[in-house]
């Protein structure tokens, strides 16, 4: 399961909360950077609003892995996930 957040703080906190599970939580921009780096792009993160929009769009076009790599095995309890998210 992938939980994408708008803020770094929430993404970081949820990432810690779901550590050692098959749930990934991340801020949208950082996830986009990771996708592109996984594809071999060299990207230096900038904390500038003008940096994030093109990176996010490029990741949507070029960074998405093949479909067979998107699905992890395992069961996720929806209620458990929702209860942890609602607490934030």
C-alpha atoms as a PDB file:
ATOM      1  CA  UNK A   1       0.000   0.000   0.000  1.00  0.00           C
ATOM      2  CA  UNK A   2       1.232   3.462  -0.782  1.00  0.00           C
ATOM      3  CA  UNK A   3       0.243   6.506   1.268  1.00  0.00           C
ATOM      4  CA  UNK A   4       1.293   9.762  -0.367  1.00  0.00           C
ATOM      5  CA  UNK A   5       1.158  12.961   1.670  1.00  0.00           C
ATOM      6  CA  UNK A   6       1.440  16.630   0.755  1.00  0.00           C
ATOM      7  CA  UNK A   7       3.748  17.522   3.650  1.00  0.00           C
ATOM      8  CA  UNK A   8       7.175  16.212   4.601  1.00  0.00           C
ATOM      9  CA  UNK A   9       6.251  16.109   8.280  1.00  0.00           C
ATOM     10  CA  UNK A  10       3.199  13.896   7.811  1.00  0.00           C
ATOM     11  CA  UNK A  11       4.977  11.650   5.294  1.00  0.00           C
ATOM     12  CA  UNK A  12       7.933  11.179   7.646  1.00  0.00           C
ATOM     13  CA  UNK A  13       5.739  10.470  10.658  1.00  0.00           C
ATOM     14  CA  UNK A  14       3.573   7.937   8.805  1.00  0.00           C
ATOM     15  CA  UNK A  15       6.691   6.321   7.352  1.00  0.00           C
ATOM     16  CA  UNK A  16       7.969   5.711  10.899  1.00  0.00           C
ATOM     17  CA  UNK A  17       4.551   4.497  12.016  1.00  0.00           C
ATOM     18  CA  UNK A  18       4.408   1.862   9.260  1.00  0.00           C
ATOM     19  CA  UNK A  19       8.070   0.852   9.403  1.00  0.00           C
ATOM     20  CA  UNK A  20       8.602  -2.911   8.913  1.00  0.00           C
ATOM     21  CA  UNK A  21       5.238  -3.329   7.164  1.00  0.00           C
ATOM     22  CA  UNK A  22       4.329  -3.559   3.500  1.00  0.00           C
ATOM     23  CA  UNK A  23       2.963  -0.004   3.692  1.00  0.00           C
ATOM     24  CA  UNK A  24       5.010   2.843   2.238  1.00  0.00           C
ATOM     25  CA  UNK A  25       4.282   6.403   3.322  1.00  0.00           C
ATOM     26  CA  UNK A  26       6.033   9.333   1.713  1.00  0.00           C
ATOM     27  CA  UNK A  27       5.595  12.953   0.759  1.00  0.00           C
ATOM     28  CA  UNK A  28       4.588  13.135  -2.931  1.00  0.00           C
ATOM     29  CA  UNK A  29       7.663  15.079  -4.016  1.00  0.00           C
ATOM     30  CA  UNK A  30      10.156  12.813  -2.254  1.00  0.00           C
ATOM     31  CA  UNK A  31       8.438   9.755  -3.703  1.00  0.00           C
ATOM     32  CA  UNK A  32       8.707  11.300  -7.176  1.00  0.00           C
ATOM     33  CA  UNK A  33      12.433  11.906  -6.642  1.00  0.00           C
ATOM     34  CA  UNK A  34      12.868   8.288  -5.495  1.00  0.00           C
ATOM     35  CA  UNK A  35      11.065   6.939  -8.562  1.00  0.00           C
ATOM     36  CA  UNK A  36      13.299   8.949 -10.863  1.00  0.00           C
ATOM     37  CA  UNK A  37      16.486   8.016  -9.003  1.00  0.00           C
ATOM     38  CA  UNK A  38      15.456   4.347  -9.212  1.00  0.00           C
ATOM     39  CA  UNK A  39      15.321   4.853 -12.997  1.00  0.00           C
ATOM     40  CA  UNK A  40      18.851   6.270 -13.024  1.00  0.00           C
ATOM     41  CA  UNK A  41      18.118   9.996 -13.028  1.00  0.00           C
ATOM     42  CA  UNK A  42      20.566  12.117 -11.049  1.00  0.00           C
ATOM     43  CA  UNK A  43      18.498  14.607  -9.111  1.00  0.00           C
ATOM     44  CA  UNK A  44      19.595  17.055  -6.460  1.00  0.00           C
ATOM     45  CA  UNK A  45      16.628  17.949  -4.271  1.00  0.00           C
ATOM     46  CA  UNK A  46      15.919  21.644  -3.968  1.00  0.00           C
ATOM     47  CA  UNK A  47      13.544  23.131  -1.446  1.00  0.00           C
ATOM     48  CA  UNK A  48      12.060  25.500  -3.978  1.00  0.00           C
ATOM     49  CA  UNK A  49       8.426  25.372  -5.112  1.00  0.00           C
ATOM     50  CA  UNK A  50       9.537  25.652  -8.757  1.00  0.00           C
ATOM     51  CA  UNK A  51      11.535  22.414  -8.370  1.00  0.00           C
ATOM     52  CA  UNK A  52       8.730  20.091  -7.263  1.00  0.00           C
ATOM     53  CA  UNK A  53       6.102  20.448 -10.003  1.00  0.00           C
ATOM     54  CA  UNK A  54       8.322  19.413 -12.950  1.00  0.00           C
ATOM     55  CA  UNK A  55       9.904  16.595 -10.911  1.00  0.00           C
ATOM     56  CA  UNK A  56       6.494  15.243  -9.945  1.00  0.00           C
ATOM     57  CA  UNK A  57       5.241  15.399 -13.538  1.00  0.00           C
ATOM     58  CA  UNK A  58       8.410  13.746 -14.868  1.00  0.00           C
ATOM     59  CA  UNK A  59       8.051  10.945 -12.315  1.00  0.00           C
ATOM     60  CA  UNK A  60       4.458  10.389 -13.424  1.00  0.00           C
ATOM     61  CA  UNK A  61       5.612  10.020 -17.033  1.00  0.00           C
ATOM     62  CA  UNK A  62       9.002   8.332 -16.700  1.00  0.00           C
ATOM     63  CA  UNK A  63       9.326   7.024 -13.157  1.00  0.00           C
ATOM     64  CA  UNK A  64       6.438   4.600 -12.719  1.00  0.00           C
ATOM     65  CA  UNK A  65       7.730   1.012 -12.587  1.00  0.00           C
ATOM     66  CA  UNK A  66       6.193  -1.711 -14.761  1.00  0.00           C
ATOM     67  CA  UNK A  67       2.825  -2.983 -13.521  1.00  0.00           C
ATOM     68  CA  UNK A  68       4.215  -6.313 -12.346  1.00  0.00           C
ATOM     69  CA  UNK A  69       6.549  -4.467  -9.939  1.00  0.00           C
ATOM     70  CA  UNK A  70       3.791  -2.344  -8.434  1.00  0.00           C
ATOM     71  CA  UNK A  71       1.967  -5.012  -6.468  1.00  0.00           C
ATOM     72  CA  UNK A  72       3.505  -6.401  -3.292  1.00  0.00           C
ATOM     73  CA  UNK A  73       2.379  -9.654  -1.780  1.00  0.00           C
ATOM     74  CA  UNK A  74       0.696  -9.761   1.597  1.00  0.00           C
ATOM     75  CA  UNK A  75      -2.465  -8.741   3.328  1.00  0.00           C
ATOM     76  CA  UNK A  76      -3.086  -5.331   4.797  1.00  0.00           C
ATOM     77  CA  UNK A  77      -5.751  -4.724   7.380  1.00  0.00           C
ATOM     78  CA  UNK A  78      -7.608  -1.638   6.193  1.00  0.00           C
ATOM     79  CA  UNK A  79      -8.982  -0.809   9.654  1.00  0.00           C
ATOM     80  CA  UNK A  80      -5.501  -0.923  11.195  1.00  0.00           C
ATOM     81  CA  UNK A  81      -4.150   1.464   8.573  1.00  0.00           C
ATOM     82  CA  UNK A  82      -7.082   3.847   8.880  1.00  0.00           C
ATOM     83  CA  UNK A  83      -6.891   3.938  12.673  1.00  0.00           C
ATOM     84  CA  UNK A  84      -3.223   4.941  12.534  1.00  0.00           C
ATOM     85  CA  UNK A  85      -3.852   7.619   9.909  1.00  0.00           C
ATOM     86  CA  UNK A  86      -6.844   9.095  11.722  1.00  0.00           C
ATOM     87  CA  UNK A  87      -4.668   9.628  14.798  1.00  0.00           C
ATOM     88  CA  UNK A  88      -2.661  12.211  12.883  1.00  0.00           C
END
